Amino acid sequence: LFLTSGTQSALSMAAGCIEAACECINQEKSLLLEPVIAMATRVVFIFLCLTVLLLLVTTAAPSALREGQVQRNWHWTREQQFYMGYTIVWTMWLMELTTSVSQFALAWVTERWYFT
């Protein structure tokens, strides 16, 4: 009996939250554009970061090709490796920042809608 009443109140609360979320989305039409804006921002950041990373990768010094050798090796200095690693971390940080800004914008719009 205790489990049933607890489950019933949890389901009722969840249904109320879903109804409130639907009302918020219907009244604040800008919320419908947020996923598109967030994705466009991520695509631009990824493109820029991958461009920088590819430019760094092409700074490697090739080794001399020996007779009978088919494959060429590329060598990066420690500084170049550091810059490439830094660019990868920087890219991940930008993606997390984009997610955080997106969540903040959603929370702020929802808070403004709820308390007005």
PDB file of N, CA and C in Angstrom:
ATOM      1  N   LEU A   1       0.823  -1.198   0.000  1.00  0.00           N
ATOM      2  CA  LEU A   1       0.000   0.000   0.000  1.00  0.00           C
ATOM      3  C   LEU A   1       0.864   1.259   0.000  1.00  0.00           C
ATOM      4  N   PHE A   2       1.972   1.252   0.774  1.00  0.00           N
ATOM      5  CA  PHE A   2       2.854   2.420   0.852  1.00  0.00           C
ATOM      6  C   PHE A   2       3.552   2.668  -0.483  1.00  0.00           C
ATOM      7  N   LEU A   3       3.972   1.608  -1.145  1.00  0.00           N
ATOM      8  CA  LEU A   3       4.631   1.762  -2.436  1.00  0.00           C
ATOM      9  C   LEU A   3       3.675   2.309  -3.488  1.00  0.00           C
ATOM     10  N   THR A   4       2.438   1.905  -3.431  1.00  0.00           N
ATOM     11  CA  THR A   4       1.468   2.345  -4.416  1.00  0.00           C
ATOM     12  C   THR A   4       1.176   3.838  -4.270  1.00  0.00           C
ATOM     13  N   SER A   5       1.012   4.307  -3.039  1.00  0.00           N
ATOM     14  CA  SER A   5       0.720   5.732  -2.842  1.00  0.00           C
ATOM     15  C   SER A   5       1.936   6.581  -3.184  1.00  0.00           C
ATOM     16  N   GLY A   6       3.139   6.117  -2.888  1.00  0.00           N
ATOM     17  CA  GLY A   6       4.352   6.846  -3.239  1.00  0.00           C
ATOM     18  C   GLY A   6       4.548   6.909  -4.739  1.00  0.00           C
ATOM     19  N   THR A   7       4.248   5.825  -5.414  1.00  0.00           N
ATOM     20  CA  THR A   7       4.366   5.787  -6.868  1.00  0.00           C
ATOM     21  C   THR A   7       3.318   6.698  -7.512  1.00  0.00           C
ATOM     22  N   GLN A   8       2.116   6.683  -6.955  1.00  0.00           N
ATOM     23  CA  GLN A   8       1.041   7.512  -7.495  1.00  0.00           C
ATOM     24  C   GLN A   8       1.381   8.998  -7.376  1.00  0.00           C
ATOM     25  N   SER A   9       1.928   9.409  -6.229  1.00  0.00           N
ATOM     26  CA  SER A   9       2.263  10.829  -6.057  1.00  0.00           C
ATOM     27  C   SER A   9       3.448  11.211  -6.946  1.00  0.00           C
ATOM     28  N   ALA A  10       4.392  10.296  -7.140  1.00  0.00           N
ATOM     29  CA  ALA A  10       5.529  10.576  -8.027  1.00  0.00           C
ATOM     30  C   ALA A  10       5.056  10.710  -9.469  1.00  0.00           C
ATOM     31  N   LEU A  11       4.155   9.849  -9.895  1.00  0.00           N
ATOM     32  CA  LEU A  11       3.610   9.949 -11.254  1.00  0.00           C
ATOM     33  C   LEU A  11       2.808  11.225 -11.435  1.00  0.00           C
ATOM     34  N   SER A  12       2.060  11.605 -10.421  1.00  0.00           N
ATOM     35  CA  SER A  12       1.277  12.838 -10.492  1.00  0.00           C
ATOM     36  C   SER A  12       2.204  14.051 -10.584  1.00  0.00           C
ATOM     37  N   MET A  13       3.285  14.044  -9.818  1.00  0.00           N
ATOM     38  CA  MET A  13       4.247  15.142  -9.867  1.00  0.00           C
ATOM     39  C   MET A  13       4.938  15.199 -11.229  1.00  0.00           C
ATOM     40  N   ALA A  14       5.297  14.054 -11.772  1.00  0.00           N
ATOM     41  CA  ALA A  14       5.942  14.005 -13.089  1.00  0.00           C
ATOM     42  C   ALA A  14       4.999  14.520 -14.168  1.00  0.00           C
ATOM     43  N   ALA A  15       3.737  14.145 -14.088  1.00  0.00           N
ATOM     44  CA  ALA A  15       2.759  14.624 -15.072  1.00  0.00           C
ATOM     45  C   ALA A  15       2.584  16.136 -14.967  1.00  0.00           C
ATOM     46  N   GLY A  16       2.592  16.655 -13.749  1.00  0.00           N
ATOM     47  CA  GLY A  16       2.491  18.103 -13.563  1.00  0.00           C
ATOM     48  C   GLY A  16       3.691  18.834 -14.149  1.00  0.00           C
ATOM     49  N   CYS A  17       4.889  18.271 -13.976  1.00  0.00           N
ATOM     50  CA  CYS A  17       6.099  18.879 -14.550  1.00  0.00           C
ATOM     51  C   CYS A  17       6.048  18.872 -16.074  1.00  0.00           C
ATOM     52  N   ILE A  18       5.561  17.791 -16.642  1.00  0.00           N
ATOM     53  CA  ILE A  18       5.470  17.697 -18.104  1.00  0.00           C
ATOM     54  C   ILE A  18       4.447  18.698 -18.642  1.00  0.00           C
ATOM     55  N   GLU A  19       3.321  18.831 -17.948  1.00  0.00           N
ATOM     56  CA  GLU A  19       2.316  19.811 -18.371  1.00  0.00           C
ATOM     57  C   GLU A  19       2.872  21.235 -18.301  1.00  0.00           C
ATOM     58  N   ALA A  20       3.607  21.544 -17.236  1.00  0.00           N
ATOM     59  CA  ALA A  20       4.196  22.882 -17.092  1.00  0.00           C
ATOM     60  C   ALA A  20       5.229  23.134 -18.183  1.00  0.00           C
ATOM     61  N   ALA A  21       6.022  22.116 -18.518  1.00  0.00           N
ATOM     62  CA  ALA A  21       7.025  22.262 -19.577  1.00  0.00           C
ATOM     63  C   ALA A  21       6.353  22.508 -20.929  1.00  0.00           C
ATOM     64  N   CYS A  22       5.262  21.821 -21.201  1.00  0.00           N
ATOM     65  CA  CYS A  22       4.534  22.021 -22.462  1.00  0.00           C
ATOM     66  C   CYS A  22       3.941  23.427 -22.527  1.00  0.00           C
ATOM     67  N   GLU A  23       3.391  23.905 -21.418  1.00  0.00           N
ATOM     68  CA  GLU A  23       2.856  25.270 -21.392  1.00  0.00           C
ATOM     69  C   GLU A  23       3.961  26.297 -21.640  1.00  0.00           C
ATOM     70  N   CYS A  24       5.106  26.074 -21.013  1.00  0.00           N
ATOM     71  CA  CYS A  24       6.236  26.997 -21.177  1.00  0.00           C
ATOM     72  C   CYS A  24       6.689  27.041 -22.636  1.00  0.00           C
ATOM     73  N   ILE A  25       6.826  25.897 -23.253  1.00  0.00           N
ATOM     74  CA  ILE A  25       7.269  25.846 -24.652  1.00  0.00           C
ATOM     75  C   ILE A  25       6.241  26.494 -25.571  1.00  0.00           C
ATOM     76  N   ASN A  26       4.956  26.283 -25.292  1.00  0.00           N
ATOM     77  CA  ASN A  26       3.912  26.887 -26.130  1.00  0.00           C
ATOM     78  C   ASN A  26       3.857  28.403 -25.975  1.00  0.00           C
ATOM     79  N   GLN A  27       4.173  28.917 -24.793  1.00  0.00           N
ATOM     80  CA  GLN A  27       4.104  30.358 -24.572  1.00  0.00           C
ATOM     81  C   GLN A  27       5.398  31.073 -24.948  1.00  0.00           C
ATOM     82  N   GLU A  28       6.532  30.404 -24.832  1.00  0.00           N
ATOM     83  CA  GLU A  28       7.839  31.001 -25.162  1.00  0.00           C
ATOM     84  C   GLU A  28       8.347  30.338 -26.447  1.00  0.00           C
ATOM     85  N   LYS A  29       7.969  30.912 -27.572  1.00  0.00           N
ATOM     86  CA  LYS A  29       8.312  30.312 -28.872  1.00  0.00           C
ATOM     87  C   LYS A  29       9.826  30.300 -29.123  1.00  0.00           C
ATOM     88  N   SER A  30      10.576  31.170 -28.452  1.00  0.00           N
ATOM     89  CA  SER A  30      12.026  31.197 -28.656  1.00  0.00           C
ATOM     90  C   SER A  30      12.692  29.908 -28.183  1.00  0.00           C
ATOM     91  N   LEU A  31      12.032  29.176 -27.295  1.00  0.00           N
ATOM     92  CA  LEU A  31      12.588  27.907 -26.832  1.00  0.00           C
ATOM     93  C   LEU A  31      12.670  26.875 -27.961  1.00  0.00           C
ATOM     94  N   LEU A  32      11.832  27.027 -28.962  1.00  0.00           N
ATOM     95  CA  LEU A  32      11.861  26.085 -30.084  1.00  0.00           C
ATOM     96  C   LEU A  32      13.114  26.272 -30.948  1.00  0.00           C
ATOM     97  N   LEU A  33      13.674  27.474 -30.954  1.00  0.00           N
ATOM     98  CA  LEU A  33      14.869  27.746 -31.754  1.00  0.00           C
ATOM     99  C   LEU A  33      16.170  27.397 -31.034  1.00  0.00           C
ATOM    100  N   GLU A  34      16.117  27.227 -29.734  1.00  0.00           N
ATOM    101  CA  GLU A  34      17.344  27.018 -28.957  1.00  0.00           C
ATOM    102  C   GLU A  34      18.171  25.815 -29.418  1.00  0.00           C
ATOM    103  N   PRO A  35      17.588  24.656 -29.684  1.00  0.00           N
ATOM    104  CA  PRO A  35      18.418  23.539 -30.153  1.00  0.00           C
ATOM    105  C   PRO A  35      19.124  23.827 -31.472  1.00  0.00           C
ATOM    106  N   VAL A  36      18.457  24.554 -32.367  1.00  0.00           N
ATOM    107  CA  VAL A  36      19.070  24.892 -33.653  1.00  0.00           C
ATOM    108  C   VAL A  36      20.243  25.845 -33.446  1.00  0.00           C
ATOM    109  N   ILE A  37      20.061  26.836 -32.586  1.00  0.00           N
ATOM    110  CA  ILE A  37      21.132  27.794 -32.309  1.00  0.00           C
ATOM    111  C   ILE A  37      22.310  27.102 -31.623  1.00  0.00           C
ATOM    112  N   ALA A  38      22.023  26.231 -30.671  1.00  0.00           N
ATOM    113  CA  ALA A  38      23.094  25.511 -29.970  1.00  0.00           C
ATOM    114  C   ALA A  38      23.869  24.614 -30.936  1.00  0.00           C
ATOM    115  N   MET A  39      23.175  23.926 -31.817  1.00  0.00           N
ATOM    116  CA  MET A  39      23.849  23.045 -32.772  1.00  0.00           C
ATOM    117  C   MET A  39      24.680  23.853 -33.763  1.00  0.00           C
ATOM    118  N   ALA A  40      24.147  24.967 -34.243  1.00  0.00           N
ATOM    119  CA  ALA A  40      24.901  25.812 -35.175  1.00  0.00           C
ATOM    120  C   ALA A  40      26.171  26.348 -34.513  1.00  0.00           C
ATOM    121  N   THR A  41      26.069  26.746 -33.256  1.00  0.00           N
ATOM    122  CA  THR A  41      27.239  27.223 -32.524  1.00  0.00           C
ATOM    123  C   THR A  41      28.275  26.125 -32.388  1.00  0.00           C
ATOM    124  N   ARG A  42      27.822  24.912 -32.054  1.00  0.00           N
ATOM    125  CA  ARG A  42      28.759  23.788 -31.913  1.00  0.00           C
ATOM    126  C   ARG A  42      29.446  23.470 -33.247  1.00  0.00           C
ATOM    127  N   VAL A  43      28.691  23.502 -34.333  1.00  0.00           N
ATOM    128  CA  VAL A  43      29.268  23.206 -35.647  1.00  0.00           C
ATOM    129  C   VAL A  43      30.341  24.230 -36.001  1.00  0.00           C
ATOM    130  N   VAL A  44      30.072  25.505 -35.740  1.00  0.00           N
ATOM    131  CA  VAL A  44      31.062  26.550 -36.029  1.00  0.00           C
ATOM    132  C   VAL A  44      32.312  26.341 -35.175  1.00  0.00           C
ATOM    133  N   PHE A  45      32.126  26.084 -33.876  1.00  0.00           N
ATOM    134  CA  PHE A  45      33.285  25.875 -32.999  1.00  0.00           C
ATOM    135  C   PHE A  45      34.086  24.643 -33.407  1.00  0.00           C
ATOM    136  N   ILE A  46      33.400  23.559 -33.735  1.00  0.00           N
ATOM    137  CA  ILE A  46      34.110  22.337 -34.154  1.00  0.00           C
ATOM    138  C   ILE A  46      34.893  22.593 -35.431  1.00  0.00           C
ATOM    139  N   PHE A  47      34.278  23.287 -36.389  1.00  0.00           N
ATOM    140  CA  PHE A  47      34.961  23.590 -37.638  1.00  0.00           C
ATOM    141  C   PHE A  47      36.220  24.411 -37.383  1.00  0.00           C
ATOM    142  N   LEU A  48      36.109  25.442 -36.568  1.00  0.00           N
ATOM    143  CA  LEU A  48      37.267  26.282 -36.275  1.00  0.00           C
ATOM    144  C   LEU A  48      38.361  25.508 -35.534  1.00  0.00           C
ATOM    145  N   CYS A  49      37.968  24.719 -34.552  1.00  0.00           N
ATOM    146  CA  CYS A  49      38.959  23.959 -33.780  1.00  0.00           C
ATOM    147  C   CYS A  49      39.633  22.886 -34.629  1.00  0.00           C
ATOM    148  N   LEU A  50      38.871  22.212 -35.476  1.00  0.00           N
ATOM    149  CA  LEU A  50      39.483  21.207 -36.350  1.00  0.00           C
ATOM    150  C   LEU A  50      40.405  21.843 -37.379  1.00  0.00           C
ATOM    151  N   THR A  51      40.062  23.034 -37.834  1.00  0.00           N
ATOM    152  CA  THR A  51      40.946  23.746 -38.757  1.00  0.00           C
ATOM    153  C   THR A  51      42.274  24.065 -38.085  1.00  0.00           C
ATOM    154  N   VAL A  52      42.220  24.569 -36.860  1.00  0.00           N
ATOM    155  CA  VAL A  52      43.450  24.867 -36.122  1.00  0.00           C
ATOM    156  C   VAL A  52      44.251  23.591 -35.877  1.00  0.00           C
ATOM    157  N   LEU A  53      43.569  22.511 -35.504  1.00  0.00           N
ATOM    158  CA  LEU A  53      44.267  21.249 -35.248  1.00  0.00           C
ATOM    159  C   LEU A  53      44.919  20.715 -36.521  1.00  0.00           C
ATOM    160  N   LEU A  54      44.232  20.777 -37.643  1.00  0.00           N
ATOM    161  CA  LEU A  54      44.824  20.309 -38.895  1.00  0.00           C
ATOM    162  C   LEU A  54      46.013  21.169 -39.310  1.00  0.00           C
ATOM    163  N   LEU A  55      45.935  22.460 -39.065  1.00  0.00           N
ATOM    164  CA  LEU A  55      47.085  23.322 -39.356  1.00  0.00           C
ATOM    165  C   LEU A  55      48.275  22.955 -38.476  1.00  0.00           C
ATOM    166  N   LEU A  56      48.013  22.605 -37.226  1.00  0.00           N
ATOM    167  CA  LEU A  56      49.106  22.192 -36.342  1.00  0.00           C
ATOM    168  C   LEU A  56      49.693  20.847 -36.764  1.00  0.00           C
ATOM    169  N   VAL A  57      48.847  19.940 -37.198  1.00  0.00           N
ATOM    170  CA  VAL A  57      49.327  18.617 -37.627  1.00  0.00           C
ATOM    171  C   VAL A  57      50.239  18.749 -38.842  1.00  0.00           C
ATOM    172  N   THR A  58      49.963  19.695 -39.710  1.00  0.00           N
ATOM    173  CA  THR A  58      50.771  19.842 -40.921  1.00  0.00           C
ATOM    174  C   THR A  58      52.104  20.532 -40.676  1.00  0.00           C
ATOM    175  N   THR A  59      52.401  20.920 -39.435  1.00  0.00           N
ATOM    176  CA  THR A  59      53.693  21.541 -39.142  1.00  0.00           C
ATOM    177  C   THR A  59      54.774  20.520 -38.855  1.00  0.00           C
ATOM    178  N   ALA A  60      54.480  19.244 -38.964  1.00  0.00           N
ATOM    179  CA  ALA A  60      55.452  18.189 -38.673  1.00  0.00           C
ATOM    180  C   ALA A  60      56.571  18.188 -39.705  1.00  0.00           C
ATOM    181  N   ALA A  61      57.727  17.724 -39.270  1.00  0.00           N
ATOM    182  CA  ALA A  61      58.874  17.615 -40.166  1.00  0.00           C
ATOM    183  C   ALA A  61      58.942  16.181 -40.702  1.00  0.00           C
ATOM    184  N   PRO A  62      58.918  16.006 -42.017  1.00  0.00           N
ATOM    185  CA  PRO A  62      58.997  14.648 -42.565  1.00  0.00           C
ATOM    186  C   PRO A  62      60.434  14.128 -42.495  1.00  0.00           C
ATOM    187  N   SER A  63      60.551  12.829 -42.310  1.00  0.00           N
ATOM    188  CA  SER A  63      61.897  12.207 -42.337  1.00  0.00           C
ATOM    189  C   SER A  63      62.248  11.892 -43.794  1.00  0.00           C
ATOM    190  N   ALA A  64      63.524  11.739 -44.028  1.00  0.00           N
ATOM    191  CA  ALA A  64      63.981  11.446 -45.390  1.00  0.00           C
ATOM    192  C   ALA A  64      63.515  10.051 -45.792  1.00  0.00           C
ATOM    193  N   LEU A  65      63.120   9.923 -47.040  1.00  0.00           N
ATOM    194  CA  LEU A  65      62.651   8.646 -47.565  1.00  0.00           C
ATOM    195  C   LEU A  65      63.865   7.857 -48.044  1.00  0.00           C
ATOM    196  N   ARG A  66      64.086   6.704 -47.425  1.00  0.00           N
ATOM    197  CA  ARG A  66      65.239   5.874 -47.792  1.00  0.00           C
ATOM    198  C   ARG A  66      64.906   5.034 -49.021  1.00  0.00           C
ATOM    199  N   GLU A  67      65.940   4.520 -49.630  1.00  0.00           N
ATOM    200  CA  GLU A  67      65.757   3.697 -50.826  1.00  0.00           C
ATOM    201  C   GLU A  67      64.975   2.434 -50.475  1.00  0.00           C
ATOM    202  N   GLY A  68      63.961   2.149 -51.254  1.00  0.00           N
ATOM    203  CA  GLY A  68      63.124   0.973 -51.033  1.00  0.00           C
ATOM    204  C   GLY A  68      62.057   1.185 -49.973  1.00  0.00           C
ATOM    205  N   GLN A  69      62.024   2.350 -49.368  1.00  0.00           N
ATOM    206  CA  GLN A  69      61.042   2.637 -48.336  1.00  0.00           C
ATOM    207  C   GLN A  69      59.800   3.272 -48.971  1.00  0.00           C
ATOM    208  N   VAL A  70      58.655   2.777 -48.581  1.00  0.00           N
ATOM    209  CA  VAL A  70      57.410   3.236 -49.160  1.00  0.00           C
ATOM    210  C   VAL A  70      56.726   4.263 -48.255  1.00  0.00           C
ATOM    211  N   GLN A  71      56.985   4.162 -46.986  1.00  0.00           N
ATOM    212  CA  GLN A  71      56.276   4.980 -46.009  1.00  0.00           C
ATOM    213  C   GLN A  71      57.176   6.098 -45.486  1.00  0.00           C
ATOM    214  N   ARG A  72      56.617   7.271 -45.302  1.00  0.00           N
ATOM    215  CA  ARG A  72      57.348   8.413 -44.755  1.00  0.00           C
ATOM    216  C   ARG A  72      56.850   8.666 -43.333  1.00  0.00           C
ATOM    217  N   ASN A  73      57.748   8.945 -42.437  1.00  0.00           N
ATOM    218  CA  ASN A  73      57.392   9.231 -41.045  1.00  0.00           C
ATOM    219  C   ASN A  73      57.406  10.731 -40.798  1.00  0.00           C
ATOM    220  N   TRP A  74      56.565  11.160 -39.889  1.00  0.00           N
ATOM    221  CA  TRP A  74      56.468  12.570 -39.533  1.00  0.00           C
ATOM    222  C   TRP A  74      56.860  12.728 -38.079  1.00  0.00           C
ATOM    223  N   HIS A  75      57.583  13.791 -37.778  1.00  0.00           N
ATOM    224  CA  HIS A  75      58.061  14.018 -36.410  1.00  0.00           C
ATOM    225  C   HIS A  75      57.647  15.403 -35.935  1.00  0.00           C
ATOM    226  N   TRP A  76      57.062  15.430 -34.736  1.00  0.00           N
ATOM    227  CA  TRP A  76      56.667  16.691 -34.121  1.00  0.00           C
ATOM    228  C   TRP A  76      57.557  16.954 -32.917  1.00  0.00           C
ATOM    229  N   THR A  77      57.840  18.216 -32.674  1.00  0.00           N
ATOM    230  CA  THR A  77      58.591  18.583 -31.475  1.00  0.00           C
ATOM    231  C   THR A  77      57.659  18.500 -30.271  1.00  0.00           C
ATOM    232  N   ARG A  78      58.236  18.556 -29.080  1.00  0.00           N
ATOM    233  CA  ARG A  78      57.424  18.539 -27.858  1.00  0.00           C
ATOM    234  C   ARG A  78      56.477  19.747 -27.826  1.00  0.00           C
ATOM    235  N   GLU A  79      56.969  20.871 -28.300  1.00  0.00           N
ATOM    236  CA  GLU A  79      56.146  22.070 -28.320  1.00  0.00           C
ATOM    237  C   GLU A  79      54.938  21.892 -29.243  1.00  0.00           C
ATOM    238  N   GLN A  80      55.133  21.303 -30.400  1.00  0.00           N
ATOM    239  CA  GLN A  80      54.030  21.058 -31.332  1.00  0.00           C
ATOM    240  C   GLN A  80      53.037  20.067 -30.736  1.00  0.00           C
ATOM    241  N   GLN A  81      53.548  19.032 -30.068  1.00  0.00           N
ATOM    242  CA  GLN A  81      52.663  18.058 -29.421  1.00  0.00           C
ATOM    243  C   GLN A  81      51.852  18.727 -28.311  1.00  0.00           C
ATOM    244  N   PHE A  82      52.504  19.622 -27.568  1.00  0.00           N
ATOM    245  CA  PHE A  82      51.792  20.357 -26.521  1.00  0.00           C
ATOM    246  C   PHE A  82      50.666  21.191 -27.126  1.00  0.00           C
ATOM    247  N   TYR A  83      50.955  21.890 -28.223  1.00  0.00           N
ATOM    248  CA  TYR A  83      49.935  22.725 -28.864  1.00  0.00           C
ATOM    249  C   TYR A  83      48.774  21.888 -29.383  1.00  0.00           C
ATOM    250  N   MET A  84      49.067  20.716 -29.931  1.00  0.00           N
ATOM    251  CA  MET A  84      47.991  19.851 -30.421  1.00  0.00           C
ATOM    252  C   MET A  84      47.136  19.344 -29.262  1.00  0.00           C
ATOM    253  N   GLY A  85      47.774  18.930 -28.177  1.00  0.00           N
ATOM    254  CA  GLY A  85      47.024  18.496 -26.998  1.00  0.00           C
ATOM    255  C   GLY A  85      46.191  19.623 -26.408  1.00  0.00           C
ATOM    256  N   TYR A  86      46.794  20.819 -26.364  1.00  0.00           N
ATOM    257  CA  TYR A  86      46.078  21.989 -25.854  1.00  0.00           C
ATOM    258  C   TYR A  86      44.857  22.296 -26.724  1.00  0.00           C
ATOM    259  N   THR A  87      45.003  22.150 -28.034  1.00  0.00           N
ATOM    260  CA  THR A  87      43.880  22.410 -28.938  1.00  0.00           C
ATOM    261  C   THR A  87      42.759  21.395 -28.720  1.00  0.00           C
ATOM    262  N   ILE A  88      43.102  20.161 -28.469  1.00  0.00           N
ATOM    263  CA  ILE A  88      42.088  19.130 -28.214  1.00  0.00           C
ATOM    264  C   ILE A  88      41.341  19.444 -26.913  1.00  0.00           C
ATOM    265  N   VAL A  89      42.082  19.801 -25.851  1.00  0.00           N
ATOM    266  CA  VAL A  89      41.447  20.151 -24.570  1.00  0.00           C
ATOM    267  C   VAL A  89      40.594  21.407 -24.738  1.00  0.00           C
ATOM    268  N   TRP A  90      41.110  22.373 -25.489  1.00  0.00           N
ATOM    269  CA  TRP A  90      40.396  23.618 -25.757  1.00  0.00           C
ATOM    270  C   TRP A  90      39.084  23.334 -26.488  1.00  0.00           C
ATOM    271  N   THR A  91      39.118  22.410 -27.441  1.00  0.00           N
ATOM    272  CA  THR A  91      37.908  22.039 -28.179  1.00  0.00           C
ATOM    273  C   THR A  91      36.872  21.421 -27.244  1.00  0.00           C
ATOM    274  N   MET A  92      37.308  20.491 -26.382  1.00  0.00           N
ATOM    275  CA  MET A  92      36.375  19.877 -25.436  1.00  0.00           C
ATOM    276  C   MET A  92      35.798  20.927 -24.485  1.00  0.00           C
ATOM    277  N   TRP A  93      36.633  21.878 -24.046  1.00  0.00           N
ATOM    278  CA  TRP A  93      36.173  22.928 -23.153  1.00  0.00           C
ATOM    279  C   TRP A  93      35.121  23.795 -23.848  1.00  0.00           C
ATOM    280  N   LEU A  94      35.348  24.124 -25.108  1.00  0.00           N
ATOM    281  CA  LEU A  94      34.372  24.929 -25.853  1.00  0.00           C
ATOM    282  C   LEU A  94      33.037  24.207 -26.001  1.00  0.00           C
ATOM    283  N   MET A  95      33.089  22.888 -26.221  1.00  0.00           N
ATOM    284  CA  MET A  95      31.843  22.131 -26.332  1.00  0.00           C
ATOM    285  C   MET A  95      31.091  22.138 -25.002  1.00  0.00           C
ATOM    286  N   GLU A  96      31.813  21.987 -23.892  1.00  0.00           N
ATOM    287  CA  GLU A  96      31.171  22.034 -22.575  1.00  0.00           C
ATOM    288  C   GLU A  96      30.634  23.429 -22.282  1.00  0.00           C
ATOM    289  N   LEU A  97      31.374  24.455 -22.685  1.00  0.00           N
ATOM    290  CA  LEU A  97      30.906  25.828 -22.491  1.00  0.00           C
ATOM    291  C   LEU A  97      29.622  26.073 -23.282  1.00  0.00           C
ATOM    292  N   THR A  98      29.570  25.567 -24.495  1.00  0.00           N
ATOM    293  CA  THR A  98      28.364  25.718 -25.316  1.00  0.00           C
ATOM    294  C   THR A  98      27.174  25.027 -24.651  1.00  0.00           C
ATOM    295  N   THR A  99      27.401  23.845 -24.108  1.00  0.00           N
ATOM    296  CA  THR A  99      26.332  23.122 -23.410  1.00  0.00           C
ATOM    297  C   THR A  99      25.873  23.904 -22.180  1.00  0.00           C
ATOM    298  N   SER A 100      26.823  24.441 -21.424  1.00  0.00           N
ATOM    299  CA  SER A 100      26.477  25.190 -20.215  1.00  0.00           C
ATOM    300  C   SER A 100      25.702  26.466 -20.535  1.00  0.00           C
ATOM    301  N   VAL A 101      26.126  27.188 -21.558  1.00  0.00           N
ATOM    302  CA  VAL A 101      25.415  28.412 -21.946  1.00  0.00           C
ATOM    303  C   VAL A 101      24.005  28.068 -22.423  1.00  0.00           C
ATOM    304  N   SER A 102      23.874  26.989 -23.157  1.00  0.00           N
ATOM    305  CA  SER A 102      22.565  26.562 -23.643  1.00  0.00           C
ATOM    306  C   SER A 102      21.645  26.205 -22.473  1.00  0.00           C
ATOM    307  N   GLN A 103      22.155  25.449 -21.508  1.00  0.00           N
ATOM    308  CA  GLN A 103      21.350  25.074 -20.351  1.00  0.00           C
ATOM    309  C   GLN A 103      20.986  26.296 -19.511  1.00  0.00           C
ATOM    310  N   PHE A 104      21.937  27.227 -19.383  1.00  0.00           N
ATOM    311  CA  PHE A 104      21.639  28.445 -18.634  1.00  0.00           C
ATOM    312  C   PHE A 104      20.534  29.245 -19.314  1.00  0.00           C
ATOM    313  N   ALA A 105      20.613  29.374 -20.630  1.00  0.00           N
ATOM    314  CA  ALA A 105      19.592  30.133 -21.354  1.00  0.00           C
ATOM    315  C   ALA A 105      18.219  29.492 -21.178  1.00  0.00           C
ATOM    316  N   LEU A 106      18.165  28.171 -21.275  1.00  0.00           N
ATOM    317  CA  LEU A 106      16.884  27.481 -21.071  1.00  0.00           C
ATOM    318  C   LEU A 106      16.363  27.680 -19.654  1.00  0.00           C
ATOM    319  N   ALA A 107      17.247  27.564 -18.676  1.00  0.00           N
ATOM    320  CA  ALA A 107      16.831  27.733 -17.280  1.00  0.00           C
ATOM    321  C   ALA A 107      16.368  29.168 -17.020  1.00  0.00           C
ATOM    322  N   TRP A 108      17.069  30.137 -17.593  1.00  0.00           N
ATOM    323  CA  TRP A 108      16.707  31.529 -17.371  1.00  0.00           C
ATOM    324  C   TRP A 108      15.346  31.853 -17.987  1.00  0.00           C
ATOM    325  N   VAL A 109      15.119  31.408 -19.227  1.00  0.00           N
ATOM    326  CA  VAL A 109      13.832  31.667 -19.877  1.00  0.00           C
ATOM    327  C   VAL A 109      12.712  30.967 -19.117  1.00  0.00           C
ATOM    328  N   THR A 110      12.963  29.753 -18.673  1.00  0.00           N
ATOM    329  CA  THR A 110      11.942  29.010 -17.929  1.00  0.00           C
ATOM    330  C   THR A 110      11.653  29.694 -16.596  1.00  0.00           C
ATOM    331  N   GLU A 111      12.682  30.160 -15.929  1.00  0.00           N
ATOM    332  CA  GLU A 111      12.503  30.852 -14.649  1.00  0.00           C
ATOM    333  C   GLU A 111      11.725  32.142 -14.841  1.00  0.00           C
ATOM    334  N   ARG A 112      12.035  32.894 -15.878  1.00  0.00           N
ATOM    335  CA  ARG A 112      11.312  34.146 -16.163  1.00  0.00           C
ATOM    336  C   ARG A 112       9.846  33.845 -16.485  1.00  0.00           C
ATOM    337  N   TRP A 113       9.602  32.755 -17.193  1.00  0.00           N
ATOM    338  CA  TRP A 113       8.228  32.389 -17.546  1.00  0.00           C
ATOM    339  C   TRP A 113       7.471  31.946 -16.284  1.00  0.00           C
ATOM    340  N   TYR A 114       8.107  31.132 -15.450  1.00  0.00           N
ATOM    341  CA  TYR A 114       7.431  30.540 -14.291  1.00  0.00           C
ATOM    342  C   TYR A 114       7.071  31.595 -13.243  1.00  0.00           C
ATOM    343  N   PHE A 115       7.964  32.549 -13.002  1.00  0.00           N
ATOM    344  CA  PHE A 115       7.743  33.506 -11.927  1.00  0.00           C
ATOM    345  C   PHE A 115       7.102  34.815 -12.390  1.00  0.00           C
ATOM    346  N   THR A 116       6.525  34.826 -13.586  1.00  0.00           N
ATOM    347  CA  THR A 116       5.801  36.030 -14.023  1.00  0.00           C
ATOM    348  C   THR A 116       4.333  35.733 -14.204  1.00  0.00           C
TER     349      THR A 116
END
